[in-house]
Amino acid sequence: MATVMNLCEQCSRAGKTCCQGRDIYVTAGDVKRIAALTNQSKVFEYRTCCDPDYEDQDDDPIWQLCVFRPDRTRRVLKQQANGDCLFLGPSGCRLPLEFRPLVCRLHPYNYSANGLFTEFVPDCPVHLLPPGRGLEDAVAGCNPVQAESWRRLLYIEILSQD
């Protein structure tokens, strides 16, 4: 019986993914979880946005006030020399789901401090889905109940930033 790849794995094999050429914001809690798994605490750096549209967070004042430092930088995962996420491997993320940054676990959900949005992010490659298969079924850990618990934890951690 053939194993069905989740959409993230298919995406990583098909071309550029959400884990490439993007800054991945991490909370202090994310860094602690990753360090506990990998014994690496220097997995992040502070950088300004590589995408100026990202700074437009008018719909989420908590994100705007708490994620960005006064110099407009924020804590993001380091990248490999080619711009890929530090933890991106040939089959997708090398971190187990429960150790991934909260924003990665939430992808492809759109969200704000107020909750999950009804639509997913527009860049998820739904064209790779087999006919009749929904995005929630195709992405590992992608269900609204779990996503909502991760979203709540994300904002708890954002609000408690040191």
C-alpha atoms as a PDB file:
ATOM      1  CA  MET A   1       0.000   0.000   0.000  1.00  0.00           C
ATOM      2  CA  ALA A   2       1.458   3.369  -1.029  1.00  0.00           C
ATOM      3  CA  THR A   3       1.938   6.023   1.629  1.00  0.00           C
ATOM      4  CA  VAL A   4       0.206   9.313   0.930  1.00  0.00           C
ATOM      5  CA  MET A   5       2.548  12.250   1.504  1.00  0.00           C
ATOM      6  CA  ASN A   6       1.174  15.191   3.397  1.00  0.00           C
ATOM      7  CA  LEU A   7       0.922  18.419   1.461  1.00  0.00           C
ATOM      8  CA  CYS A   8       3.978  19.973   3.139  1.00  0.00           C
ATOM      9  CA  GLU A   9       6.151  17.089   1.987  1.00  0.00           C
ATOM     10  CA  GLN A  10       4.708  17.292  -1.538  1.00  0.00           C
ATOM     11  CA  CYS A  11       5.283  21.041  -1.548  1.00  0.00           C
ATOM     12  CA  SER A  12       8.919  20.662  -0.448  1.00  0.00           C
ATOM     13  CA  ARG A  13       9.532  18.246  -3.320  1.00  0.00           C
ATOM     14  CA  ALA A  14       7.716  20.372  -5.909  1.00  0.00           C
ATOM     15  CA  GLY A  15       9.630  23.608  -5.474  1.00  0.00           C
ATOM     16  CA  LYS A  16       9.878  26.673  -3.264  1.00  0.00           C
ATOM     17  CA  THR A  17       7.991  26.421   0.018  1.00  0.00           C
ATOM     18  CA  CYS A  18       6.848  28.659   2.860  1.00  0.00           C
ATOM     19  CA  CYS A  19      10.104  27.625   4.586  1.00  0.00           C
ATOM     20  CA  GLN A  20      12.299  29.280   1.975  1.00  0.00           C
ATOM     21  CA  GLY A  21      13.260  32.907   1.541  1.00  0.00           C
ATOM     22  CA  ARG A  22      11.041  33.965   4.451  1.00  0.00           C
ATOM     23  CA  ASP A  23      11.659  35.069   7.961  1.00  0.00           C
ATOM     24  CA  ILE A  24      10.079  32.696  10.456  1.00  0.00           C
ATOM     25  CA  TYR A  25       9.169  34.513  13.655  1.00  0.00           C
ATOM     26  CA  VAL A  26       9.897  32.576  16.859  1.00  0.00           C
ATOM     27  CA  THR A  27       8.757  33.282  20.385  1.00  0.00           C
ATOM     28  CA  ALA A  28      11.039  32.838  23.380  1.00  0.00           C
ATOM     29  CA  GLY A  29       9.004  29.683  24.092  1.00  0.00           C
ATOM     30  CA  ASP A  30       9.728  28.377  20.590  1.00  0.00           C
ATOM     31  CA  VAL A  31      13.436  28.913  21.155  1.00  0.00           C
ATOM     32  CA  LYS A  32      13.304  27.041  24.487  1.00  0.00           C
ATOM     33  CA  ARG A  33      11.429  24.103  22.939  1.00  0.00           C
ATOM     34  CA  ILE A  34      13.837  23.892  19.994  1.00  0.00           C
ATOM     35  CA  ALA A  35      16.852  24.148  22.330  1.00  0.00           C
ATOM     36  CA  ALA A  36      15.477  21.338  24.506  1.00  0.00           C
ATOM     37  CA  LEU A  37      15.290  19.088  21.444  1.00  0.00           C
ATOM     38  CA  THR A  38      18.440  20.096  19.571  1.00  0.00           C
ATOM     39  CA  ASN A  39      20.740  21.395  22.327  1.00  0.00           C
ATOM     40  CA  GLN A  40      21.111  24.533  20.170  1.00  0.00           C
ATOM     41  CA  SER A  41      20.098  27.870  21.674  1.00  0.00           C
ATOM     42  CA  LYS A  42      21.563  30.086  18.930  1.00  0.00           C
ATOM     43  CA  VAL A  43      18.884  29.220  16.362  1.00  0.00           C
ATOM     44  CA  PHE A  44      17.559  32.760  16.017  1.00  0.00           C
ATOM     45  CA  GLU A  45      18.652  36.275  15.211  1.00  0.00           C
ATOM     46  CA  TYR A  46      16.997  39.681  15.098  1.00  0.00           C
ATOM     47  CA  ARG A  47      16.292  40.982  11.599  1.00  0.00           C
ATOM     48  CA  THR A  48      14.133  43.524   9.865  1.00  0.00           C
ATOM     49  CA  CYS A  49      11.463  42.206   7.515  1.00  0.00           C
ATOM     50  CA  CYS A  50      12.598  40.871   4.165  1.00  0.00           C
ATOM     51  CA  ASP A  51       9.026  41.541   2.934  1.00  0.00           C
ATOM     52  CA  PRO A  52       7.868  45.120   3.621  1.00  0.00           C
ATOM     53  CA  ASP A  53       4.212  44.027   3.368  1.00  0.00           C
ATOM     54  CA  TYR A  54       4.776  41.912   6.471  1.00  0.00           C
ATOM     55  CA  GLU A  55       5.165  45.043   8.566  1.00  0.00           C
ATOM     56  CA  ASP A  56       1.585  46.021   7.720  1.00  0.00           C
ATOM     57  CA  GLN A  57      -0.100  44.453  10.721  1.00  0.00           C
ATOM     58  CA  ASP A  58      -2.924  46.982  11.132  1.00  0.00           C
ATOM     59  CA  ASP A  59      -5.409  44.151  11.630  1.00  0.00           C
ATOM     60  CA  ASP A  60      -3.432  42.780  14.580  1.00  0.00           C
ATOM     61  CA  PRO A  61      -2.260  45.484  17.015  1.00  0.00           C
ATOM     62  CA  ILE A  62      -0.879  42.928  19.494  1.00  0.00           C
ATOM     63  CA  TRP A  63       1.435  41.549  16.797  1.00  0.00           C
ATOM     64  CA  GLN A  64       2.436  45.063  15.816  1.00  0.00           C
ATOM     65  CA  LEU A  65       3.191  46.125  19.407  1.00  0.00           C
ATOM     66  CA  CYS A  66       4.771  42.977  20.799  1.00  0.00           C
ATOM     67  CA  VAL A  67       6.595  41.207  17.962  1.00  0.00           C
ATOM     68  CA  PHE A  68       8.493  44.177  16.544  1.00  0.00           C
ATOM     69  CA  ARG A  69      11.224  45.805  18.605  1.00  0.00           C
ATOM     70  CA  PRO A  70      11.698  49.599  18.492  1.00  0.00           C
ATOM     71  CA  ASP A  71      14.309  49.211  15.729  1.00  0.00           C
ATOM     72  CA  ARG A  72      11.687  47.255  13.668  1.00  0.00           C
ATOM     73  CA  THR A  73      13.541  43.941  13.991  1.00  0.00           C
ATOM     74  CA  ARG A  74      12.026  40.785  15.398  1.00  0.00           C
ATOM     75  CA  ARG A  75      13.262  37.375  16.509  1.00  0.00           C
ATOM     76  CA  VAL A  76      13.413  34.981  13.551  1.00  0.00           C
ATOM     77  CA  LEU A  77      14.966  31.596  12.882  1.00  0.00           C
ATOM     78  CA  LYS A  78      18.370  31.679  11.302  1.00  0.00           C
ATOM     79  CA  GLN A  79      18.536  30.633   7.686  1.00  0.00           C
ATOM     80  CA  GLN A  80      20.808  28.392   5.715  1.00  0.00           C
ATOM     81  CA  ALA A  81      23.095  30.133   3.190  1.00  0.00           C
ATOM     82  CA  ASN A  82      20.482  29.664   0.441  1.00  0.00           C
ATOM     83  CA  GLY A  83      17.713  31.348   2.462  1.00  0.00           C
ATOM     84  CA  ASP A  84      16.005  28.125   3.573  1.00  0.00           C
ATOM     85  CA  CYS A  85      14.870  27.718   7.146  1.00  0.00           C
ATOM     86  CA  LEU A  86      17.587  26.302   9.365  1.00  0.00           C
ATOM     87  CA  PHE A  87      15.469  23.170   9.892  1.00  0.00           C
ATOM     88  CA  LEU A  88      14.249  22.571   6.332  1.00  0.00           C
ATOM     89  CA  GLY A  89      15.372  19.222   4.937  1.00  0.00           C
ATOM     90  CA  PRO A  90      14.633  17.400   1.668  1.00  0.00           C
ATOM     91  CA  SER A  91      11.312  16.051   2.983  1.00  0.00           C
ATOM     92  CA  GLY A  92      10.177  19.180   4.799  1.00  0.00           C
ATOM     93  CA  CYS A  93      10.745  20.273   8.374  1.00  0.00           C
ATOM     94  CA  ARG A  94      13.201  18.188  10.361  1.00  0.00           C
ATOM     95  CA  LEU A  95      11.629  19.240  13.663  1.00  0.00           C
ATOM     96  CA  PRO A  96       8.825  17.098  15.096  1.00  0.00           C
ATOM     97  CA  LEU A  97       5.517  18.955  14.994  1.00  0.00           C
ATOM     98  CA  GLU A  98       5.426  19.627  18.742  1.00  0.00           C
ATOM     99  CA  PHE A  99       8.847  21.371  18.588  1.00  0.00           C
ATOM    100  CA  ARG A 100       8.223  23.537  15.521  1.00  0.00           C
ATOM    101  CA  PRO A 101       7.716  27.271  15.941  1.00  0.00           C
ATOM    102  CA  LEU A 102       4.074  28.064  16.644  1.00  0.00           C
ATOM    103  CA  VAL A 103       3.741  30.098  13.434  1.00  0.00           C
ATOM    104  CA  CYS A 104       4.900  27.037  11.476  1.00  0.00           C
ATOM    105  CA  ARG A 105       2.415  24.786  13.236  1.00  0.00           C
ATOM    106  CA  LEU A 106      -0.339  27.265  12.413  1.00  0.00           C
ATOM    107  CA  HIS A 107       0.505  27.464   8.714  1.00  0.00           C
ATOM    108  CA  PRO A 108      -1.609  27.480   6.468  1.00  0.00           C
ATOM    109  CA  TYR A 109      -4.151  29.129   8.781  1.00  0.00           C
ATOM    110  CA  ASN A 110      -4.630  32.878   8.696  1.00  0.00           C
ATOM    111  CA  TYR A 111      -5.071  34.262  12.206  1.00  0.00           C
ATOM    112  CA  SER A 112      -4.862  37.272  14.466  1.00  0.00           C
ATOM    113  CA  ALA A 113      -5.109  37.841  18.206  1.00  0.00           C
ATOM    114  CA  ASN A 114      -8.888  37.599  17.778  1.00  0.00           C
ATOM    115  CA  GLY A 115      -8.935  34.084  16.320  1.00  0.00           C
ATOM    116  CA  LEU A 116      -8.571  31.964  13.197  1.00  0.00           C
ATOM    117  CA  PHE A 117      -9.820  33.344   9.901  1.00  0.00           C
ATOM    118  CA  THR A 118     -12.102  31.272   7.700  1.00  0.00           C
ATOM    119  CA  GLU A 119      -9.712  31.325   4.732  1.00  0.00           C
ATOM    120  CA  PHE A 120      -6.261  29.782   4.572  1.00  0.00           C
ATOM    121  CA  VAL A 121      -3.153  31.672   3.458  1.00  0.00           C
ATOM    122  CA  PRO A 122      -3.187  32.138  -0.310  1.00  0.00           C
ATOM    123  CA  ASP A 123       0.291  30.699  -0.984  1.00  0.00           C
ATOM    124  CA  CYS A 124      -0.345  27.120   0.143  1.00  0.00           C
ATOM    125  CA  PRO A 125      -0.115  24.910  -2.999  1.00  0.00           C
ATOM    126  CA  VAL A 126      -3.609  23.452  -2.998  1.00  0.00           C
ATOM    127  CA  HIS A 127      -3.112  22.539  -6.681  1.00  0.00           C
ATOM    128  CA  LEU A 128      -1.051  19.577  -5.421  1.00  0.00           C
ATOM    129  CA  LEU A 129      -4.053  18.108  -3.612  1.00  0.00           C
ATOM    130  CA  PRO A 130      -5.753  15.087  -5.148  1.00  0.00           C
ATOM    131  CA  PRO A 131      -9.335  15.753  -6.277  1.00  0.00           C
ATOM    132  CA  GLY A 132     -11.755  15.782  -3.379  1.00  0.00           C
ATOM    133  CA  ARG A 133      -9.082  16.156  -0.695  1.00  0.00           C
ATOM    134  CA  GLY A 134      -9.275  19.265   1.475  1.00  0.00           C
ATOM    135  CA  LEU A 135      -6.408  21.269   2.877  1.00  0.00           C
ATOM    136  CA  GLU A 136      -7.256  20.323   6.460  1.00  0.00           C
ATOM    137  CA  ASP A 137      -6.850  16.637   5.546  1.00  0.00           C
ATOM    138  CA  ALA A 138      -3.606  17.139   3.649  1.00  0.00           C
ATOM    139  CA  VAL A 139      -1.430  19.097   6.075  1.00  0.00           C
ATOM    140  CA  ALA A 140      -0.022  17.323   9.115  1.00  0.00           C
ATOM    141  CA  GLY A 141      -1.691  18.574  12.286  1.00  0.00           C
ATOM    142  CA  CYS A 142      -3.989  20.911  10.354  1.00  0.00           C
ATOM    143  CA  ASN A 143      -7.333  21.000  12.085  1.00  0.00           C
ATOM    144  CA  PRO A 144      -9.155  24.002  13.490  1.00  0.00           C
ATOM    145  CA  VAL A 145      -9.279  22.770  17.089  1.00  0.00           C
ATOM    146  CA  GLN A 146      -5.527  22.156  17.263  1.00  0.00           C
ATOM    147  CA  ALA A 147      -4.794  25.346  15.318  1.00  0.00           C
ATOM    148  CA  GLU A 148      -6.856  27.395  17.748  1.00  0.00           C
ATOM    149  CA  SER A 149      -4.929  25.992  20.730  1.00  0.00           C
ATOM    150  CA  TRP A 150      -1.629  26.855  19.000  1.00  0.00           C
ATOM    151  CA  ARG A 151      -2.920  30.342  18.167  1.00  0.00           C
ATOM    152  CA  ARG A 152      -3.846  30.941  21.814  1.00  0.00           C
ATOM    153  CA  LEU A 153      -0.412  29.726  22.944  1.00  0.00           C
ATOM    154  CA  LEU A 154       1.293  31.919  20.336  1.00  0.00           C
ATOM    155  CA  TYR A 155      -0.393  35.039  21.666  1.00  0.00           C
ATOM    156  CA  ILE A 156       0.269  34.084  25.285  1.00  0.00           C
ATOM    157  CA  GLU A 157       3.945  33.787  24.381  1.00  0.00           C
ATOM    158  CA  ILE A 158       3.924  36.990  22.318  1.00  0.00           C
ATOM    159  CA  LEU A 159       2.414  38.926  25.221  1.00  0.00           C
ATOM    160  CA  SER A 160       4.955  37.505  27.668  1.00  0.00           C
ATOM    161  CA  GLN A 161       8.027  38.330  25.561  1.00  0.00           C
ATOM    162  CA  ASP A 162      11.100  39.313  27.499  1.00  0.00           C
END
